[in-house]
C-alpha atoms as a PDB file:
ATOM      1  CA  MET A   1     -28.694  14.186  28.278  1.00  0.00           C
ATOM      2  CA  ASN A   2     -28.414  17.844  27.597  1.00  0.00           C
ATOM      3  CA  PHE A   3     -26.459  19.469  24.792  1.00  0.00           C
ATOM      4  CA  PHE A   4     -23.171  19.842  26.666  1.00  0.00           C
ATOM      5  CA  GLU A   5     -23.139  16.225  27.849  1.00  0.00           C
ATOM      6  CA  THR A   6     -23.716  15.089  24.278  1.00  0.00           C
ATOM      7  CA  LEU A   7     -21.000  17.415  22.992  1.00  0.00           C
ATOM      8  CA  TRP A   8     -18.593  16.184  25.681  1.00  0.00           C
ATOM      9  CA  SER A   9     -19.376  12.561  24.777  1.00  0.00           C
ATOM     10  CA  ILE A  10     -18.626  13.274  21.124  1.00  0.00           C
ATOM     11  CA  ILE A  11     -15.332  14.960  22.015  1.00  0.00           C
ATOM     12  CA  ILE A  12     -14.282  12.070  24.260  1.00  0.00           C
ATOM     13  CA  PHE A  13     -15.177   9.552  21.549  1.00  0.00           C
ATOM     14  CA  CYS A  14     -13.135  11.452  18.929  1.00  0.00           C
ATOM     15  CA  LEU A  15     -10.139  11.663  21.267  1.00  0.00           C
ATOM     16  CA  PHE A  16     -10.367   7.954  22.066  1.00  0.00           C
ATOM     17  CA  LEU A  17     -10.598   7.090  18.373  1.00  0.00           C
ATOM     18  CA  SER A  18      -7.561   9.292  17.652  1.00  0.00           C
ATOM     19  CA  TYR A  19      -5.682   7.555  20.453  1.00  0.00           C
ATOM     20  CA  LEU A  20      -6.481   4.117  19.021  1.00  0.00           C
ATOM     21  CA  ILE A  21      -5.388   5.207  15.554  1.00  0.00           C
ATOM     22  CA  LEU A  22      -2.114   6.477  17.014  1.00  0.00           C
ATOM     23  CA  LEU A  23      -1.502   3.188  18.832  1.00  0.00           C
ATOM     24  CA  PHE A  24      -2.134   1.156  15.680  1.00  0.00           C
ATOM     25  CA  GLN A  25       0.148   3.458  13.657  1.00  0.00           C
ATOM     26  CA  ILE A  26       2.904   2.970  16.209  1.00  0.00           C
ATOM     27  CA  LEU A  27       2.369  -0.798  16.265  1.00  0.00           C
ATOM     28  CA  VAL A  28       2.520  -1.005  12.469  1.00  0.00           C
ATOM     29  CA  ASP A  29       5.637   1.159  12.425  1.00  0.00           C
ATOM     30  CA  ILE A  30       7.334  -1.043  15.024  1.00  0.00           C
ATOM     31  CA  LEU A  31       6.564  -4.245  13.168  1.00  0.00           C
ATOM     32  CA  ARG A  32       7.431  -2.814   9.729  1.00  0.00           C
ATOM     33  CA  ASP A  33      10.822  -1.381  10.746  1.00  0.00           C
ATOM     34  CA  ALA A  34      13.624  -3.695   9.665  1.00  0.00           C
ATOM     35  CA  SER A  35      16.329  -1.707  11.440  1.00  0.00           C
ATOM     36  CA  ILE A  36      15.368  -2.884  14.932  1.00  0.00           C
ATOM     37  CA  SER A  37      15.722  -6.424  16.207  1.00  0.00           C
ATOM     38  CA  GLY A  38      12.901  -8.755  17.115  1.00  0.00           C
ATOM     39  CA  TRP A  39      13.663  -8.449  20.821  1.00  0.00           C
ATOM     40  CA  LEU A  40      13.457  -4.675  20.708  1.00  0.00           C
ATOM     41  CA  LYS A  41      10.176  -4.930  18.814  1.00  0.00           C
ATOM     42  CA  ALA A  42       8.860  -7.253  21.522  1.00  0.00           C
ATOM     43  CA  VAL A  43       9.910  -4.774  24.221  1.00  0.00           C
ATOM     44  CA  TRP A  44       8.140  -1.888  22.458  1.00  0.00           C
ATOM     45  CA  VAL A  45       4.965  -3.965  21.999  1.00  0.00           C
ATOM     46  CA  PHE A  46       5.086  -5.124  25.624  1.00  0.00           C
ATOM     47  CA  PHE A  47       5.300  -1.577  26.907  1.00  0.00           C
ATOM     48  CA  LEU A  48       2.550  -0.495  24.497  1.00  0.00           C
ATOM     49  CA  LEU A  49       0.309  -3.068  26.153  1.00  0.00           C
ATOM     50  CA  VAL A  50       1.383  -2.317  29.741  1.00  0.00           C
ATOM     51  CA  ALA A  51       1.639   1.483  29.681  1.00  0.00           C
ATOM     52  CA  PRO A  52       0.248   2.612  26.327  1.00  0.00           C
ATOM     53  CA  VAL A  53       0.032   6.379  26.896  1.00  0.00           C
ATOM     54  CA  ILE A  54       3.559   6.828  28.214  1.00  0.00           C
ATOM     55  CA  THR A  55       5.027   4.401  25.678  1.00  0.00           C
ATOM     56  CA  ALA A  56       3.255   6.149  22.803  1.00  0.00           C
ATOM     57  CA  LEU A  57       4.623   9.517  23.909  1.00  0.00           C
ATOM     58  CA  VAL A  58       8.147   8.115  24.328  1.00  0.00           C
ATOM     59  CA  TYR A  59       7.960   6.395  20.934  1.00  0.00           C
ATOM     60  CA  ILE A  60       6.832   9.577  19.216  1.00  0.00           C
ATOM     61  CA  ILE A  61       9.632  11.553  20.876  1.00  0.00           C
ATOM     62  CA  VAL A  62      12.354   8.979  20.205  1.00  0.00           C
ATOM     63  CA  ARG A  63      11.365   7.575  16.807  1.00  0.00           C
ATOM     64  CA  GLY A  64       8.651   9.931  15.567  1.00  0.00           C
ATOM     65  CA  GLY A  65      10.825  11.723  13.031  1.00  0.00           C
ATOM     66  CA  SER A  66      11.668   8.566  11.165  1.00  0.00           C
ATOM     67  CA  MET A  67       8.087   7.251  11.236  1.00  0.00           C
ATOM     68  CA  SER A  68       7.089   9.424   8.312  1.00  0.00           C
ATOM     69  CA  GLU A  69      10.214   8.477   6.361  1.00  0.00           C
ATOM     70  CA  ARG A  70       9.445   4.782   6.775  1.00  0.00           C
ATOM     71  CA  HIS A  71       5.820   5.361   5.794  1.00  0.00           C
ATOM     72  CA  VAL A  72       6.802   7.281   2.645  1.00  0.00           C
ATOM     73  CA  ARG A  73       9.367   4.611   1.751  1.00  0.00           C
ATOM     74  CA  ALA A  74       6.786   1.836   2.167  1.00  0.00           C
ATOM     75  CA  ALA A  75       4.237   3.732   0.076  1.00  0.00           C
ATOM     76  CA  SER A  76       6.713   4.398  -2.741  1.00  0.00           C
ATOM     77  CA  THR A  77       7.831   0.759  -2.725  1.00  0.00           C
ATOM     78  CA  ALA A  78       4.214  -0.383  -2.952  1.00  0.00           C
ATOM     79  CA  GLN A  79       3.592   2.034  -5.822  1.00  0.00           C
ATOM     80  CA  GLN A  80       6.654   0.812  -7.729  1.00  0.00           C
ATOM     81  CA  GLU A  81       5.648  -2.813  -7.261  1.00  0.00           C
ATOM     82  CA  THR A  82       2.137  -2.022  -8.481  1.00  0.00           C
ATOM     83  CA  GLU A  83       3.496  -0.256 -11.567  1.00  0.00           C
ATOM     84  CA  GLN A  84       5.817  -3.182 -12.339  1.00  0.00           C
ATOM     85  CA  TYR A  85       2.940  -5.623 -11.954  1.00  0.00           C
ATOM     86  CA  LEU A  86       0.702  -3.584 -14.254  1.00  0.00           C
ATOM     87  CA  ARG A  87       3.429  -3.337 -16.886  1.00  0.00           C
ATOM     88  CA  ARG A  88       4.000  -7.085 -16.708  1.00  0.00           C
ATOM     89  CA  VAL A  89       0.294  -7.940 -16.895  1.00  0.00           C
ATOM     90  CA  ALA A  90      -0.557  -5.375 -19.571  1.00  0.00           C
ATOM     91  CA  GLY A  91       2.091  -6.803 -21.846  1.00  0.00           C
ATOM     92  CA  THR A  92       3.145  -3.606 -23.526  1.00  0.00           C
ATOM     93  CA  GLN A  93       3.983  -4.798 -27.006  1.00  0.00           C
ATOM     94  CA  SER A  94       4.991  -2.620 -29.895  1.00  0.00           C
ATOM     95  CA  PRO A  95       2.678  -2.546 -32.931  1.00  0.00           C
ATOM     96  CA  ALA A  96       5.141  -4.738 -34.833  1.00  0.00           C
ATOM     97  CA  ASP A  97       5.060  -7.324 -32.023  1.00  0.00           C
ATOM     98  CA  GLN A  98       1.266  -7.250 -32.009  1.00  0.00           C
ATOM     99  CA  ILE A  99       1.117  -7.792 -35.766  1.00  0.00           C
ATOM    100  CA  ALA A 100       3.660 -10.625 -35.534  1.00  0.00           C
ATOM    101  CA  SER A 101       1.588 -12.282 -32.789  1.00  0.00           C
ATOM    102  CA  ALA A 102      -1.552 -11.931 -34.908  1.00  0.00           C
ATOM    103  CA  LYS A 103       0.281 -13.373 -37.942  1.00  0.00           C
ATOM    104  CA  ALA A 104       1.378 -16.367 -35.845  1.00  0.00           C
ATOM    105  CA  LEU A 105      -2.235 -16.913 -34.773  1.00  0.00           C
ATOM    106  CA  LEU A 106      -3.361 -16.679 -38.406  1.00  0.00           C
ATOM    107  CA  GLU A 107      -0.755 -19.204 -39.550  1.00  0.00           C
ATOM    108  CA  ALA A 108      -1.732 -21.546 -36.718  1.00  0.00           C
ATOM    109  CA  GLY A 109      -5.339 -21.347 -37.863  1.00  0.00           C
ATOM    110  CA  THR A 110      -6.566 -19.884 -34.595  1.00  0.00           C
ATOM    111  CA  ILE A 111      -8.001 -16.752 -36.222  1.00  0.00           C
ATOM    112  CA  THR A 112      -9.452 -15.980 -39.635  1.00  0.00           C
ATOM    113  CA  ASP A 113      -8.210 -13.496 -42.239  1.00  0.00           C
ATOM    114  CA  ALA A 114     -10.882 -11.008 -41.171  1.00  0.00           C
ATOM    115  CA  GLU A 115      -9.847 -11.215 -37.529  1.00  0.00           C
ATOM    116  CA  TYR A 116      -6.197 -10.828 -38.557  1.00  0.00           C
ATOM    117  CA  GLY A 117      -7.126  -7.684 -40.486  1.00  0.00           C
ATOM    118  CA  GLN A 118      -8.943  -6.283 -37.449  1.00  0.00           C
ATOM    119  CA  LEU A 119      -5.989  -6.995 -35.147  1.00  0.00           C
ATOM    120  CA  LYS A 120      -3.569  -5.456 -37.625  1.00  0.00           C
ATOM    121  CA  ALA A 121      -5.705  -2.329 -37.984  1.00  0.00           C
ATOM    122  CA  LYS A 122      -6.021  -2.050 -34.216  1.00  0.00           C
ATOM    123  CA  ALA A 123      -2.216  -2.381 -33.779  1.00  0.00           C
ATOM    124  CA  LEU A 124      -1.553   0.286 -36.370  1.00  0.00           C
ATOM    125  CA  ALA A 125      -4.099   2.714 -34.920  1.00  0.00           C
END
């Protein structure tokens, strides 16, 4: 292979990879969209399998503008759910709540006076 054949092979590979990425993006968008019925989703997927190039172009022309909106909405929803999960797991307690929890552990005999002092100092810091 000479230089130009290698370069052409690289270009063809990049275009094919871009095409596959586009098809998967369209497929994900079709399946994620709650505004279209299951039958219409099946029709889009069928035509993506039968005539992928033409169907991809038609999909981008017809529904391409709202693809980005749905993607942004899905990303923001995922971010909000992640933040809610982190808040729930982190257990954001006020210093007074932390000291009260430590006092309850001390009274139950779970921790010693020294450990209670450390937890209290940490809560107040």
